Amino acid sequence: MKKELIEALKFPALFVFLLLLIHLYSFMSEIKLSNWGIYPREKNGAWGIISSVFIHGSWKHLINNSIPLLVLGTSLFYFYKKLAPKVCLYSIVFTGFLVWLGGRPSFHIGASGLVYAL
């Protein structure tokens, strides 16, 4: 059981580590990445459906997404090993598309859509 739990933690931990690296880069270089977010109902804003999940506005925002991603992601990969990657990908795309369809006219960033889907 311990080995399976560690195995299930690998992908969520790598994903959160990637989010941390991106935010650290943004923070250290003082580059604002929010323009890579979802901008609703604009053709160019649709690129954010995929990229917005990797961008966070603050350390607090990142931590508030990271903890549930680790817990819920590990649970998903533990119980549904084969289905988990598809669930994550579909959740990112579906929630991002819904934000693109119905969000207020502003850039939307963060992994909250994935967290809520999980």
Protein backbone atom coordinates (compact mmCIF):
# COMPACT_ATOMS: atom_id res chain seq x y z
CA MET A 1 0.00 0.00 0.00
CA LYS A 2 2.82 2.42 0.85
CA LYS A 3 4.49 1.81 -2.51
CA GLU A 4 1.23 2.44 -4.39
CA LEU A 5 0.63 5.65 -2.45
CA ILE A 6 4.10 6.95 -3.29
CA GLU A 7 3.53 5.99 -6.94
CA ALA A 8 0.18 7.82 -6.94
CA LEU A 9 1.84 10.94 -5.51
CA LYS A 10 4.43 11.19 -8.31
CA PHE A 11 2.36 12.91 -11.01
CA PRO A 12 0.56 15.38 -8.71
CA ALA A 13 3.87 16.26 -7.02
CA LEU A 14 5.59 16.82 -10.39
CA PHE A 15 2.68 18.95 -11.57
CA VAL A 16 2.76 21.11 -8.43
CA PHE A 17 6.54 21.37 -8.72
CA LEU A 18 6.11 22.63 -12.30
CA LEU A 19 3.57 25.21 -11.08
CA LEU A 20 6.06 26.28 -8.42
CA LEU A 21 8.88 26.65 -10.96
CA ILE A 22 6.72 28.74 -13.30
CA HIS A 23 5.60 31.01 -10.49
CA LEU A 24 9.15 31.30 -9.15
CA TYR A 25 10.35 32.29 -12.62
CA SER A 26 7.58 34.89 -12.90
CA PHE A 27 8.33 36.21 -9.42
CA MET A 28 12.11 36.38 -9.83
CA SER A 29 12.06 37.92 -13.30
CA GLU A 30 9.14 40.22 -12.45
CA ILE A 31 7.37 39.09 -15.61
CA LYS A 32 3.60 39.15 -15.42
CA LEU A 33 2.29 35.97 -17.03
CA SER A 34 -1.42 36.69 -16.55
CA ASN A 35 -1.75 37.55 -20.26
CA TRP A 36 -1.41 33.81 -20.84
CA GLY A 37 -4.67 33.29 -18.99
CA ILE A 38 -8.14 32.76 -20.39
CA TYR A 39 -9.75 35.86 -21.85
CA PRO A 40 -13.43 34.99 -22.38
CA ARG A 41 -15.03 35.02 -25.81
CA GLU A 42 -11.91 36.29 -27.58
CA LYS A 43 -10.18 34.07 -30.14
CA ASN A 44 -6.70 34.79 -28.73
CA GLY A 45 -8.01 34.27 -25.19
CA ALA A 46 -8.82 30.64 -26.00
CA TRP A 47 -5.11 29.71 -25.78
CA GLY A 48 -5.46 30.31 -22.06
CA ILE A 49 -7.73 27.28 -21.75
CA ILE A 50 -4.57 25.17 -21.55
CA SER A 51 -1.95 27.66 -20.33
CA SER A 52 -3.94 29.37 -17.55
CA VAL A 53 -3.72 26.34 -15.24
CA PHE A 54 0.05 26.87 -14.99
CA ILE A 55 -0.12 30.55 -13.98
CA HIS A 56 -0.88 31.93 -10.52
CA GLY A 57 -1.21 35.51 -9.35
CA SER A 58 0.48 35.18 -5.96
CA TRP A 59 2.18 32.73 -3.63
CA LYS A 60 -1.05 32.45 -1.65
CA HIS A 61 -2.98 31.64 -4.83
CA LEU A 62 -0.42 28.97 -5.73
CA ILE A 63 -0.47 27.37 -2.27
CA ASN A 64 -4.27 27.44 -2.14
CA ASN A 65 -4.31 25.41 -5.36
CA SER A 66 -1.29 23.21 -4.60
CA ILE A 67 -2.51 21.56 -1.40
CA PRO A 68 -5.83 20.34 -2.87
CA LEU A 69 -4.04 19.31 -6.08
CA LEU A 70 -1.66 17.14 -4.09
CA VAL A 71 -4.38 15.55 -1.95
CA LEU A 72 -7.06 15.12 -4.62
CA GLY A 73 -4.57 14.30 -7.37
CA THR A 74 -2.94 11.60 -5.27
CA SER A 75 -6.35 10.14 -4.44
CA LEU A 76 -7.32 10.13 -8.11
CA PHE A 77 -4.09 8.43 -9.20
CA TYR A 78 -4.29 5.96 -6.31
CA PHE A 79 -7.82 4.76 -7.00
CA TYR A 80 -8.05 5.30 -10.78
CA LYS A 81 -4.49 4.88 -12.05
CA LYS A 82 -5.34 4.30 -15.73
CA LEU A 83 -8.13 6.87 -15.97
CA ALA A 84 -6.45 9.66 -13.96
CA PRO A 85 -4.44 11.33 -16.78
CA LYS A 86 -7.56 11.61 -18.94
CA VAL A 87 -9.61 12.97 -16.04
CA CYS A 88 -6.99 15.66 -15.41
CA LEU A 89 -6.70 16.65 -19.07
CA TYR A 90 -10.46 16.67 -19.68
CA SER A 91 -11.02 18.63 -16.47
CA ILE A 92 -8.54 21.31 -17.49
CA VAL A 93 -10.02 21.65 -20.97
CA PHE A 94 -13.69 21.49 -19.92
CA THR A 95 -13.46 23.95 -17.03
CA GLY A 96 -11.24 26.26 -19.10
CA PHE A 97 -13.74 26.17 -21.94
CA LEU A 98 -16.60 27.00 -19.56
CA VAL A 99 -14.65 29.98 -18.23
CA TRP A 100 -13.91 31.06 -21.81
CA LEU A 101 -17.64 30.86 -22.59
CA GLY A 102 -19.01 32.54 -19.49
CA GLY A 103 -16.31 34.40 -17.62
CA ARG A 104 -16.21 38.14 -17.08
CA PRO A 105 -14.06 40.09 -19.56
CA SER A 106 -10.75 39.78 -17.73
CA PHE A 107 -7.80 37.35 -17.72
CA HIS A 108 -8.51 34.23 -15.65
CA ILE A 109 -5.56 32.25 -14.27
CA GLY A 110 -4.91 29.38 -11.87
CA ALA A 111 -5.66 25.72 -11.36
CA SER A 112 -8.91 26.24 -9.46
CA GLY A 113 -10.96 24.74 -12.30
CA LEU A 114 -8.95 21.54 -12.06
CA VAL A 115 -9.22 21.55 -8.25
CA TYR A 116 -12.99 21.93 -8.36
CA ALA A 117 -13.29 19.27 -11.06
CA LEU A 118 -11.32 16.84 -8.91
